[in-house]
Amino acid sequence: MVFKKKDKFAILLSQIAGNLKVSAHYFADYKLNNVSDLKEFSGTMKDYETKGDSFVHEVILDLNKVFITPIEREDILALAMSMDDVLDGLEHTSAMFEMYSITQADEYMLKFVEAIRQCSDEIESAVELLSTKKWLQIREHAIKIKDLESKCDGILRQSIKHLFHTEKDPIRIIQYKEIYEELEEIADYCQNVANTFETIIMKNA
């Protein structure tokens, strides 16, 4: 059984994926120039995160009302929650930028963020394919997400090595290391989304 064209869960999952993509692009494209920009940046990310939470809440309410779902209800919930984890991570990272007054993202942060942006594109594309039963195409997007996450593992190692080699301020070391690790964790959340897609494929293909 697959999603009908206008199935409410297909629509809600598309809304969650779309909101995640918009927020990831906003995060990647926002130009921080001074400390005052940080408040707007983190505030807007919080708005995206709150919007995402409302979509997930709606999914949960509808799952409790509907007896028959187009795919297994735990898979619908897992997909919604795993996408929400990515957005939560982005919002938390934006709050860390504000908390530490970091207005200049370094080359490693930019690499992380670009990979996460690309993951959000792949996630949205895969979600849109659920209603058309194109399992092989969904798997292709899942594989791309996992490749991007693997790249982030390498970026984390490079970033921490460079940080300890070049930075002398111990407070800055703590702050940057925490942000690097948070960004890598967001990539892990993206991989969890890919794993959820593969579980759905396995059950339905």
N, C-alpha and C. Protein backbone atom coordinates (compact mmCIF):
# COMPACT_ATOMS: atom_id res chain seq x y z
N MET A 1 0.85 -1.20 0.00
CA MET A 1 0.00 0.00 0.00
C MET A 1 0.88 1.24 0.00
N VAL A 2 0.53 2.25 -0.79
CA VAL A 2 1.33 3.46 -0.89
C VAL A 2 0.46 4.69 -0.65
N PHE A 3 1.13 5.83 -0.59
CA PHE A 3 0.40 7.07 -0.38
C PHE A 3 -0.50 7.39 -1.56
N LYS A 4 -1.74 7.75 -1.28
CA LYS A 4 -2.59 8.31 -2.33
C LYS A 4 -2.11 9.74 -2.59
N LYS A 5 -2.48 10.25 -3.74
CA LYS A 5 -1.98 11.56 -4.16
C LYS A 5 -2.25 12.64 -3.12
N LYS A 6 -3.43 12.64 -2.53
CA LYS A 6 -3.80 13.70 -1.60
C LYS A 6 -3.85 13.19 -0.15
N ASP A 7 -3.18 12.09 0.12
CA ASP A 7 -3.19 11.55 1.47
C ASP A 7 -2.67 12.58 2.46
N LYS A 8 -3.34 12.70 3.59
CA LYS A 8 -2.98 13.73 4.58
C LYS A 8 -1.57 13.54 5.11
N PHE A 9 -1.12 12.27 5.22
CA PHE A 9 0.22 12.04 5.75
C PHE A 9 1.29 12.41 4.71
N ALA A 10 0.99 12.17 3.44
CA ALA A 10 1.91 12.59 2.39
C ALA A 10 2.06 14.11 2.40
N ILE A 11 0.94 14.79 2.59
CA ILE A 11 0.96 16.26 2.62
C ILE A 11 1.74 16.75 3.84
N LEU A 12 1.49 16.16 5.00
CA LEU A 12 2.18 16.60 6.22
C LEU A 12 3.68 16.32 6.14
N LEU A 13 4.05 15.14 5.66
CA LEU A 13 5.48 14.82 5.53
C LEU A 13 6.16 15.76 4.54
N SER A 14 5.44 16.11 3.47
CA SER A 14 5.98 17.08 2.51
C SER A 14 6.17 18.45 3.15
N GLN A 15 5.23 18.82 4.01
CA GLN A 15 5.35 20.11 4.71
C GLN A 15 6.55 20.12 5.65
N ILE A 16 6.77 19.01 6.35
CA ILE A 16 7.92 18.91 7.25
C ILE A 16 9.21 18.98 6.46
N ALA A 17 9.28 18.22 5.35
CA ALA A 17 10.49 18.21 4.52
C ALA A 17 10.73 19.57 3.88
N GLY A 18 9.65 20.22 3.43
CA GLY A 18 9.79 21.54 2.81
C GLY A 18 10.28 22.58 3.79
N ASN A 19 9.72 22.53 5.01
CA ASN A 19 10.15 23.47 6.05
C ASN A 19 11.60 23.23 6.44
N LEU A 20 12.01 21.96 6.49
CA LEU A 20 13.40 21.64 6.79
C LEU A 20 14.33 22.19 5.70
N LYS A 21 13.93 22.00 4.44
CA LYS A 21 14.77 22.49 3.34
C LYS A 21 14.90 24.01 3.38
N VAL A 22 13.79 24.71 3.57
CA VAL A 22 13.83 26.17 3.63
C VAL A 22 14.73 26.63 4.78
N SER A 23 14.60 25.99 5.93
CA SER A 23 15.39 26.40 7.09
C SER A 23 16.87 26.10 6.89
N ALA A 24 17.19 24.96 6.27
CA ALA A 24 18.60 24.61 6.02
C ALA A 24 19.22 25.58 5.03
N HIS A 25 18.45 25.99 4.03
CA HIS A 25 18.96 26.97 3.06
C HIS A 25 19.13 28.33 3.73
N TYR A 26 18.19 28.70 4.58
CA TYR A 26 18.31 29.96 5.31
C TYR A 26 19.57 29.93 6.17
N PHE A 27 19.77 28.84 6.88
CA PHE A 27 20.94 28.69 7.75
C PHE A 27 22.23 28.84 6.93
N ALA A 28 22.27 28.18 5.77
CA ALA A 28 23.48 28.19 4.95
C ALA A 28 23.73 29.55 4.29
N ASP A 29 22.66 30.25 3.94
CA ASP A 29 22.79 31.48 3.16
C ASP A 29 22.89 32.75 4.00
N TYR A 30 22.50 32.68 5.27
CA TYR A 30 22.46 33.89 6.09
C TYR A 30 23.86 34.45 6.29
N LYS A 31 24.01 35.73 6.04
CA LYS A 31 25.31 36.40 6.18
C LYS A 31 25.39 37.11 7.52
N LEU A 32 26.22 36.57 8.40
CA LEU A 32 26.44 37.19 9.71
C LEU A 32 27.52 38.26 9.57
N ASN A 33 27.18 39.48 9.92
CA ASN A 33 28.14 40.57 9.84
C ASN A 33 28.53 41.11 11.22
N ASN A 34 27.59 41.07 12.15
CA ASN A 34 27.89 41.58 13.49
C ASN A 34 27.03 40.85 14.52
N VAL A 35 27.26 41.15 15.78
CA VAL A 35 26.59 40.45 16.87
C VAL A 35 25.07 40.64 16.81
N SER A 36 24.61 41.81 16.37
CA SER A 36 23.17 42.06 16.30
C SER A 36 22.48 41.14 15.29
N ASP A 37 23.23 40.70 14.26
CA ASP A 37 22.66 39.77 13.29
C ASP A 37 22.34 38.42 13.92
N LEU A 38 23.09 38.06 14.95
CA LEU A 38 22.93 36.75 15.56
C LEU A 38 21.54 36.55 16.16
N LYS A 39 20.99 37.61 16.71
CA LYS A 39 19.65 37.51 17.31
C LYS A 39 18.60 37.24 16.24
N GLU A 40 18.68 37.94 15.13
CA GLU A 40 17.74 37.71 14.03
C GLU A 40 17.91 36.30 13.47
N PHE A 41 19.15 35.88 13.31
CA PHE A 41 19.48 34.55 12.77
C PHE A 41 18.88 33.45 13.66
N SER A 42 19.18 33.50 14.95
CA SER A 42 18.70 32.45 15.85
C SER A 42 17.18 32.54 16.04
N GLY A 43 16.63 33.76 16.02
CA GLY A 43 15.19 33.94 16.16
C GLY A 43 14.43 33.34 14.99
N THR A 44 14.94 33.56 13.78
CA THR A 44 14.28 33.00 12.60
C THR A 44 14.38 31.48 12.59
N MET A 45 15.53 30.95 12.98
CA MET A 45 15.68 29.49 13.06
C MET A 45 14.72 28.91 14.10
N LYS A 46 14.50 29.62 15.19
CA LYS A 46 13.55 29.17 16.21
C LYS A 46 12.14 29.14 15.64
N ASP A 47 11.81 30.12 14.80
CA ASP A 47 10.49 30.13 14.15
C ASP A 47 10.30 28.91 13.25
N TYR A 48 11.34 28.58 12.47
CA TYR A 48 11.28 27.39 11.62
C TYR A 48 11.11 26.13 12.46
N GLU A 49 11.85 26.07 13.56
CA GLU A 49 11.80 24.90 14.44
C GLU A 49 10.41 24.75 15.06
N THR A 50 9.81 25.85 15.47
CA THR A 50 8.47 25.83 16.05
C THR A 50 7.43 25.40 15.01
N LYS A 51 7.59 25.88 13.80
CA LYS A 51 6.69 25.48 12.71
C LYS A 51 6.81 23.98 12.45
N GLY A 52 8.06 23.48 12.45
CA GLY A 52 8.26 22.05 12.25
C GLY A 52 7.63 21.22 13.34
N ASP A 53 7.74 21.70 14.58
CA ASP A 53 7.12 20.99 15.71
C ASP A 53 5.60 20.90 15.55
N SER A 54 5.00 21.96 15.02
CA SER A 54 3.54 21.96 14.85
C SER A 54 3.12 20.92 13.80
N PHE A 55 3.94 20.76 12.75
CA PHE A 55 3.65 19.74 11.73
C PHE A 55 3.75 18.34 12.34
N VAL A 56 4.80 18.11 13.13
CA VAL A 56 4.98 16.80 13.76
C VAL A 56 3.84 16.50 14.72
N HIS A 57 3.42 17.52 15.46
CA HIS A 57 2.30 17.35 16.38
C HIS A 57 1.03 16.95 15.62
N GLU A 58 0.85 17.55 14.46
CA GLU A 58 -0.32 17.22 13.64
C GLU A 58 -0.26 15.79 13.14
N VAL A 59 0.95 15.35 12.77
CA VAL A 59 1.12 13.95 12.35
C VAL A 59 0.71 13.00 13.47
N ILE A 60 1.18 13.29 14.68
CA ILE A 60 0.86 12.43 15.82
C ILE A 60 -0.64 12.40 16.09
N LEU A 61 -1.28 13.56 16.05
CA LEU A 61 -2.73 13.62 16.26
C LEU A 61 -3.47 12.79 15.22
N ASP A 62 -3.06 12.93 13.95
CA ASP A 62 -3.74 12.20 12.88
C ASP A 62 -3.49 10.70 12.96
N LEU A 63 -2.29 10.31 13.37
CA LEU A 63 -1.99 8.88 13.53
C LEU A 63 -2.87 8.25 14.61
N ASN A 64 -3.21 9.03 15.61
CA ASN A 64 -4.07 8.54 16.69
C ASN A 64 -5.54 8.46 16.27
N LYS A 65 -5.90 9.18 15.21
CA LYS A 65 -7.28 9.19 14.75
C LYS A 65 -7.55 8.14 13.67
N VAL A 66 -6.55 7.86 12.85
CA VAL A 66 -6.75 7.04 11.65
C VAL A 66 -6.43 5.57 11.95
N PHE A 67 -7.32 4.69 11.52
CA PHE A 67 -7.12 3.26 11.75
C PHE A 67 -6.19 2.65 10.71
N ILE A 68 -6.39 3.02 9.45
CA ILE A 68 -5.56 2.49 8.36
C ILE A 68 -4.67 3.61 7.82
N THR A 69 -3.38 3.34 7.72
CA THR A 69 -2.43 4.32 7.19
C THR A 69 -1.79 3.77 5.92
N PRO A 70 -1.32 4.65 5.02
CA PRO A 70 -0.77 4.21 3.74
C PRO A 70 0.50 3.39 3.86
N ILE A 71 1.33 3.69 4.84
CA ILE A 71 2.44 2.82 5.21
C ILE A 71 2.35 2.67 6.73
N GLU A 72 3.15 1.79 7.30
CA GLU A 72 3.02 1.52 8.73
C GLU A 72 3.16 2.80 9.54
N ARG A 73 2.31 2.94 10.55
CA ARG A 73 2.25 4.19 11.31
C ARG A 73 3.57 4.50 12.00
N GLU A 74 4.28 3.46 12.46
CA GLU A 74 5.55 3.73 13.11
C GLU A 74 6.59 4.29 12.13
N ASP A 75 6.46 3.94 10.86
CA ASP A 75 7.37 4.46 9.85
C ASP A 75 7.05 5.92 9.51
N ILE A 76 5.78 6.24 9.48
CA ILE A 76 5.37 7.64 9.28
C ILE A 76 5.91 8.50 10.42
N LEU A 77 5.71 8.01 11.65
CA LEU A 77 6.18 8.77 12.82
C LEU A 77 7.70 8.87 12.84
N ALA A 78 8.38 7.77 12.53
CA ALA A 78 9.85 7.77 12.53
C ALA A 78 10.40 8.75 11.51
N LEU A 79 9.77 8.82 10.34
CA LEU A 79 10.23 9.75 9.31
C LEU A 79 10.00 11.19 9.75
N ALA A 80 8.83 11.46 10.31
CA ALA A 80 8.54 12.82 10.78
C ALA A 80 9.51 13.23 11.89
N MET A 81 9.74 12.34 12.84
CA MET A 81 10.60 12.65 13.98
C MET A 81 12.06 12.80 13.56
N SER A 82 12.51 11.96 12.63
CA SER A 82 13.91 12.04 12.21
C SER A 82 14.18 13.33 11.44
N MET A 83 13.22 13.77 10.63
CA MET A 83 13.38 15.06 9.95
C MET A 83 13.37 16.20 10.97
N ASP A 84 12.52 16.06 11.98
CA ASP A 84 12.43 17.09 13.02
C ASP A 84 13.74 17.19 13.80
N ASP A 85 14.42 16.07 14.00
CA ASP A 85 15.70 16.08 14.71
C ASP A 85 16.73 16.94 13.96
N VAL A 86 16.72 16.87 12.63
CA VAL A 86 17.66 17.67 11.83
C VAL A 86 17.40 19.16 12.08
N LEU A 87 16.13 19.54 12.02
CA LEU A 87 15.79 20.95 12.22
C LEU A 87 16.09 21.40 13.65
N ASP A 88 15.82 20.54 14.62
CA ASP A 88 16.16 20.86 16.01
C ASP A 88 17.65 21.12 16.15
N GLY A 89 18.45 20.31 15.48
CA GLY A 89 19.90 20.48 15.54
C GLY A 89 20.35 21.80 14.93
N LEU A 90 19.76 22.17 13.82
CA LEU A 90 20.09 23.45 13.18
C LEU A 90 19.72 24.61 14.08
N GLU A 91 18.53 24.53 14.68
CA GLU A 91 18.10 25.61 15.58
C GLU A 91 19.02 25.72 16.79
N HIS A 92 19.41 24.57 17.34
CA HIS A 92 20.31 24.57 18.49
C HIS A 92 21.67 25.16 18.13
N THR A 93 22.16 24.85 16.93
CA THR A 93 23.44 25.40 16.50
C THR A 93 23.36 26.91 16.32
N SER A 94 22.26 27.41 15.77
CA SER A 94 22.11 28.86 15.61
C SER A 94 22.11 29.55 16.98
N ALA A 95 21.51 28.89 17.98
CA ALA A 95 21.51 29.44 19.33
C ALA A 95 22.92 29.46 19.91
N MET A 96 23.72 28.46 19.56
CA MET A 96 25.11 28.41 20.03
C MET A 96 25.92 29.54 19.42
N PHE A 97 25.69 29.84 18.14
CA PHE A 97 26.37 30.97 17.49
C PHE A 97 26.08 32.26 18.25
N GLU A 98 24.80 32.42 18.63
CA GLU A 98 24.44 33.64 19.37
C GLU A 98 25.05 33.62 20.77
N MET A 99 24.98 32.48 21.43
CA MET A 99 25.48 32.37 22.79
C MET A 99 26.98 32.68 22.87
N TYR A 100 27.73 32.23 21.85
CA TYR A 100 29.18 32.43 21.85
C TYR A 100 29.60 33.67 21.05
N SER A 101 28.62 34.40 20.52
CA SER A 101 28.89 35.63 19.73
C SER A 101 29.84 35.37 18.57
N ILE A 102 29.59 34.28 17.86
CA ILE A 102 30.42 33.94 16.70
C ILE A 102 29.76 34.50 15.44
N THR A 103 30.43 35.45 14.82
CA THR A 103 29.87 36.10 13.62
C THR A 103 30.58 35.68 12.34
N GLN A 104 31.64 34.90 12.47
CA GLN A 104 32.38 34.45 11.29
C GLN A 104 32.48 32.93 11.29
N ALA A 105 31.76 32.29 10.40
CA ALA A 105 31.87 30.84 10.25
C ALA A 105 33.17 30.52 9.51
N ASP A 106 33.93 29.57 10.01
CA ASP A 106 35.18 29.23 9.33
C ASP A 106 34.92 28.24 8.20
N GLU A 107 35.98 27.85 7.51
CA GLU A 107 35.82 27.01 6.32
C GLU A 107 35.21 25.65 6.65
N TYR A 108 35.47 25.13 7.84
CA TYR A 108 34.94 23.82 8.21
C TYR A 108 33.45 23.90 8.51
N MET A 109 33.06 24.95 9.21
CA MET A 109 31.63 25.16 9.46
C MET A 109 30.87 25.29 8.14
N LEU A 110 31.45 26.01 7.20
CA LEU A 110 30.80 26.20 5.90
C LEU A 110 30.66 24.88 5.15
N LYS A 111 31.68 24.02 5.26
CA LYS A 111 31.61 22.70 4.61
C LYS A 111 30.51 21.84 5.23
N PHE A 112 30.45 21.85 6.56
CA PHE A 112 29.38 21.12 7.25
C PHE A 112 28.01 21.60 6.78
N VAL A 113 27.83 22.92 6.81
CA VAL A 113 26.53 23.50 6.51
C VAL A 113 26.12 23.23 5.07
N GLU A 114 27.08 23.26 4.16
CA GLU A 114 26.76 22.98 2.76
C GLU A 114 26.32 21.53 2.60
N ALA A 115 26.98 20.61 3.29
CA ALA A 115 26.59 19.20 3.22
C ALA A 115 25.18 19.00 3.79
N ILE A 116 24.88 19.68 4.89
CA ILE A 116 23.55 19.57 5.50
C ILE A 116 22.49 20.17 4.58
N ARG A 117 22.83 21.27 3.94
CA ARG A 117 21.90 21.87 2.96
C ARG A 117 21.58 20.87 1.85
N GLN A 118 22.62 20.21 1.33
CA GLN A 118 22.41 19.22 0.28
C GLN A 118 21.58 18.04 0.78
N CYS A 119 21.81 17.64 2.03
CA CYS A 119 21.00 16.57 2.62
C CYS A 119 19.52 16.97 2.65
N SER A 120 19.25 18.22 3.00
CA SER A 120 17.85 18.68 3.08
C SER A 120 17.19 18.61 1.71
N ASP A 121 17.95 18.90 0.65
CA ASP A 121 17.43 18.79 -0.71
C ASP A 121 17.08 17.34 -1.05
N GLU A 122 18.00 16.43 -0.68
CA GLU A 122 17.78 15.00 -0.95
C GLU A 122 16.58 14.48 -0.15
N ILE A 123 16.45 14.93 1.10
CA ILE A 123 15.33 14.49 1.94
C ILE A 123 14.01 14.92 1.33
N GLU A 124 13.92 16.18 0.91
CA GLU A 124 12.67 16.66 0.32
C GLU A 124 12.33 15.88 -0.95
N SER A 125 13.33 15.65 -1.79
CA SER A 125 13.09 14.91 -3.04
C SER A 125 12.59 13.49 -2.75
N ALA A 126 13.18 12.85 -1.74
CA ALA A 126 12.77 11.48 -1.40
C ALA A 126 11.33 11.46 -0.85
N VAL A 127 11.01 12.41 -0.01
CA VAL A 127 9.65 12.48 0.56
C VAL A 127 8.62 12.66 -0.55
N GLU A 128 8.94 13.50 -1.53
CA GLU A 128 8.00 13.74 -2.62
C GLU A 128 7.76 12.48 -3.45
N LEU A 129 8.72 11.55 -3.43
CA LEU A 129 8.59 10.31 -4.21
C LEU A 129 7.76 9.24 -3.49
N LEU A 130 7.51 9.43 -2.19
CA LEU A 130 6.75 8.42 -1.44
C LEU A 130 5.38 8.15 -2.05
N SER A 131 4.72 9.21 -2.50
CA SER A 131 3.36 9.06 -3.02
C SER A 131 3.32 8.38 -4.38
N THR A 132 4.49 8.23 -5.03
CA THR A 132 4.53 7.64 -6.37
C THR A 132 5.14 6.25 -6.40
N LYS A 133 5.50 5.73 -5.19
CA LYS A 133 6.01 4.36 -5.08
C LYS A 133 7.30 4.14 -5.87
N LYS A 134 8.10 5.19 -6.01
CA LYS A 134 9.37 5.07 -6.75
C LYS A 134 10.50 4.73 -5.78
N TRP A 135 10.46 3.46 -5.34
CA TRP A 135 11.35 3.03 -4.28
C TRP A 135 12.82 3.12 -4.65
N LEU A 136 13.16 2.75 -5.88
CA LEU A 136 14.56 2.79 -6.30
C LEU A 136 15.09 4.22 -6.31
N GLN A 137 14.26 5.15 -6.73
CA GLN A 137 14.69 6.55 -6.72
C GLN A 137 14.84 7.08 -5.30
N ILE A 138 13.94 6.64 -4.42
CA ILE A 138 14.06 7.04 -3.01
C ILE A 138 15.38 6.52 -2.45
N ARG A 139 15.72 5.28 -2.79
CA ARG A 139 16.98 4.70 -2.30
C ARG A 139 18.18 5.50 -2.79
N GLU A 140 18.12 5.99 -4.02
CA GLU A 140 19.22 6.79 -4.55
C GLU A 140 19.44 8.05 -3.70
N HIS A 141 18.36 8.68 -3.29
CA HIS A 141 18.48 9.86 -2.43
C HIS A 141 19.03 9.48 -1.06
N ALA A 142 18.61 8.33 -0.54
CA ALA A 142 19.10 7.86 0.75
C ALA A 142 20.61 7.62 0.69
N ILE A 143 21.07 7.05 -0.41
CA ILE A 143 22.50 6.78 -0.57
C ILE A 143 23.29 8.10 -0.62
N LYS A 144 22.75 9.09 -1.31
CA LYS A 144 23.42 10.39 -1.39
C LYS A 144 23.54 11.04 -0.01
N ILE A 145 22.47 10.90 0.78
CA ILE A 145 22.50 11.45 2.14
C ILE A 145 23.60 10.77 2.95
N LYS A 146 23.71 9.46 2.83
CA LYS A 146 24.74 8.74 3.59
C LYS A 146 26.14 9.12 3.13
N ASP A 147 26.30 9.37 1.84
CA ASP A 147 27.60 9.81 1.32
C ASP A 147 27.97 11.17 1.91
N LEU A 148 27.00 12.07 2.00
CA LEU A 148 27.24 13.39 2.57
C LEU A 148 27.59 13.30 4.05
N GLU A 149 26.91 12.39 4.76
CA GLU A 149 27.22 12.21 6.19
C GLU A 149 28.63 11.68 6.36
N SER A 150 29.04 10.78 5.48
CA SER A 150 30.40 10.24 5.55
C SER A 150 31.44 11.34 5.35
N LYS A 151 31.15 12.26 4.44
CA LYS A 151 32.05 13.40 4.23
C LYS A 151 32.15 14.26 5.49
N CYS A 152 31.04 14.38 6.19
CA CYS A 152 31.05 15.18 7.42
C CYS A 152 31.91 14.55 8.51
N ASP A 153 31.99 13.22 8.52
CA ASP A 153 32.89 12.55 9.46
C ASP A 153 34.33 13.01 9.22
N GLY A 154 34.70 13.08 7.95
CA GLY A 154 36.04 13.53 7.60
C GLY A 154 36.26 15.00 7.94
N ILE A 155 35.24 15.81 7.70
CA ILE A 155 35.34 17.24 8.02
C ILE A 155 35.56 17.43 9.52
N LEU A 156 34.87 16.63 10.33
CA LEU A 156 35.02 16.75 11.78
C LEU A 156 36.46 16.47 12.20
N ARG A 157 37.03 15.41 11.67
CA ARG A 157 38.42 15.08 12.02
C ARG A 157 39.36 16.20 11.60
N GLN A 158 39.18 16.71 10.39
CA GLN A 158 40.04 17.79 9.89
C GLN A 158 39.88 19.05 10.72
N SER A 159 38.64 19.37 11.06
CA SER A 159 38.36 20.62 11.77
C SER A 159 38.99 20.62 13.16
N ILE A 160 38.85 19.51 13.87
CA ILE A 160 39.39 19.45 15.22
C ILE A 160 40.92 19.44 15.19
N LYS A 161 41.49 18.73 14.25
CA LYS A 161 42.95 18.71 14.11
C LYS A 161 43.47 20.12 13.85
N HIS A 162 42.82 20.83 12.93
CA HIS A 162 43.23 22.20 12.60
C HIS A 162 43.04 23.13 13.79
N LEU A 163 41.94 22.95 14.51
CA LEU A 163 41.63 23.80 15.65
C LEU A 163 42.72 23.71 16.73
N PHE A 164 43.10 22.49 17.09
CA PHE A 164 44.10 22.32 18.13
C PHE A 164 45.50 22.73 17.67
N HIS A 165 45.69 22.72 16.38
CA HIS A 165 46.99 23.09 15.83
C HIS A 165 47.17 24.61 15.75
N THR A 166 46.07 25.34 15.52
CA THR A 166 46.19 26.77 15.23
C THR A 166 45.63 27.70 16.31
N GLU A 167 44.63 27.24 17.07
CA GLU A 167 43.99 28.12 18.04
C GLU A 167 44.68 28.05 19.41
N LYS A 168 44.97 29.19 19.98
CA LYS A 168 45.66 29.24 21.27
C LYS A 168 44.71 29.55 22.43
N ASP A 169 43.58 30.15 22.12
CA ASP A 169 42.62 30.53 23.16
C ASP A 169 41.82 29.30 23.59
N PRO A 170 41.96 28.83 24.83
CA PRO A 170 41.26 27.61 25.25
C PRO A 170 39.74 27.74 25.23
N ILE A 171 39.23 28.93 25.49
CA ILE A 171 37.77 29.14 25.44
C ILE A 171 37.28 28.98 24.01
N ARG A 172 38.01 29.56 23.06
CA ARG A 172 37.63 29.44 21.64
C ARG A 172 37.68 28.00 21.18
N ILE A 173 38.68 27.27 21.67
CA ILE A 173 38.79 25.86 21.31
C ILE A 173 37.54 25.10 21.75
N ILE A 174 37.10 25.34 22.98
CA ILE A 174 35.91 24.67 23.51
C ILE A 174 34.68 25.03 22.67
N GLN A 175 34.53 26.32 22.36
CA GLN A 175 33.36 26.78 21.62
C GLN A 175 33.32 26.20 20.20
N TYR A 176 34.43 26.30 19.49
CA TYR A 176 34.46 25.82 18.11
C TYR A 176 34.30 24.30 18.05
N LYS A 177 34.97 23.60 18.95
CA LYS A 177 34.86 22.14 18.97
C LYS A 177 33.41 21.72 19.19
N GLU A 178 32.73 22.42 20.09
CA GLU A 178 31.33 22.10 20.36
C GLU A 178 30.46 22.32 19.13
N ILE A 179 30.71 23.38 18.39
CA ILE A 179 29.93 23.66 17.19
C ILE A 179 30.23 22.64 16.10
N TYR A 180 31.52 22.29 15.92
CA TYR A 180 31.86 21.26 14.94
C TYR A 180 31.12 19.95 15.25
N GLU A 181 31.15 19.57 16.51
CA GLU A 181 30.53 18.30 16.90
C GLU A 181 29.01 18.36 16.75
N GLU A 182 28.43 19.51 17.01
CA GLU A 182 26.99 19.67 16.84
C GLU A 182 26.61 19.56 15.35
N LEU A 183 27.40 20.17 14.49
CA LEU A 183 27.13 20.10 13.05
C LEU A 183 27.27 18.67 12.53
N GLU A 184 28.27 17.96 13.04
CA GLU A 184 28.44 16.56 12.62
C GLU A 184 27.28 15.72 13.11
N GLU A 185 26.75 16.05 14.29
CA GLU A 185 25.59 15.33 14.82
C GLU A 185 24.36 15.58 13.95
N ILE A 186 24.22 16.79 13.41
CA ILE A 186 23.10 17.07 12.50
C ILE A 186 23.22 16.18 11.26
N ALA A 187 24.45 16.00 10.77
CA ALA A 187 24.66 15.10 9.63
C ALA A 187 24.25 13.67 10.01
N ASP A 188 24.53 13.26 11.25
CA ASP A 188 24.09 11.95 11.72
C ASP A 188 22.56 11.86 11.71
N TYR A 189 21.89 12.94 12.11
CA TYR A 189 20.43 12.97 12.07
C TYR A 189 19.93 12.80 10.63
N CYS A 190 20.63 13.42 9.69
CA CYS A 190 20.27 13.25 8.27
C CYS A 190 20.40 11.79 7.86
N GLN A 191 21.45 11.14 8.35
CA GLN A 191 21.63 9.72 8.05
C GLN A 191 20.50 8.90 8.65
N ASN A 192 20.01 9.29 9.82
CA ASN A 192 18.86 8.59 10.42
C ASN A 192 17.63 8.69 9.51
N VAL A 193 17.46 9.85 8.87
CA VAL A 193 16.36 10.00 7.90
C VAL A 193 16.55 9.01 6.76
N ALA A 194 17.78 8.92 6.25
CA ALA A 194 18.08 7.98 5.16
C ALA A 194 17.79 6.55 5.59
N ASN A 195 18.17 6.20 6.81
CA ASN A 195 17.90 4.85 7.32
C ASN A 195 16.41 4.57 7.40
N THR A 196 15.63 5.59 7.75
CA THR A 196 14.17 5.44 7.83
C THR A 196 13.59 5.20 6.44
N PHE A 197 14.11 5.94 5.45
CA PHE A 197 13.68 5.69 4.06
C PHE A 197 13.96 4.24 3.68
N GLU A 198 15.14 3.75 4.03
CA GLU A 198 15.50 2.39 3.64
C GLU A 198 14.63 1.35 4.34
N THR A 199 14.23 1.62 5.57
CA THR A 199 13.31 0.74 6.27
C THR A 199 11.96 0.69 5.55
N ILE A 200 11.48 1.86 5.14
CA ILE A 200 10.20 1.94 4.42
C ILE A 200 10.29 1.20 3.10
N ILE A 201 11.42 1.37 2.40
CA ILE A 201 11.62 0.68 1.12
C ILE A 201 11.59 -0.84 1.32
N MET A 202 12.31 -1.29 2.34
CA MET A 202 12.40 -2.73 2.62
C MET A 202 11.03 -3.35 2.87
N LYS A 203 10.17 -2.60 3.56
CA LYS A 203 8.84 -3.11 3.91
C LYS A 203 7.85 -3.05 2.76
N ASN A 204 8.07 -2.14 1.81
CA ASN A 204 7.06 -1.88 0.79
C ASN A 204 7.45 -2.23 -0.64
N ALA A 205 8.75 -2.35 -0.90
CA ALA A 205 9.18 -2.60 -2.29
C ALA A 205 8.79 -4.00 -2.75
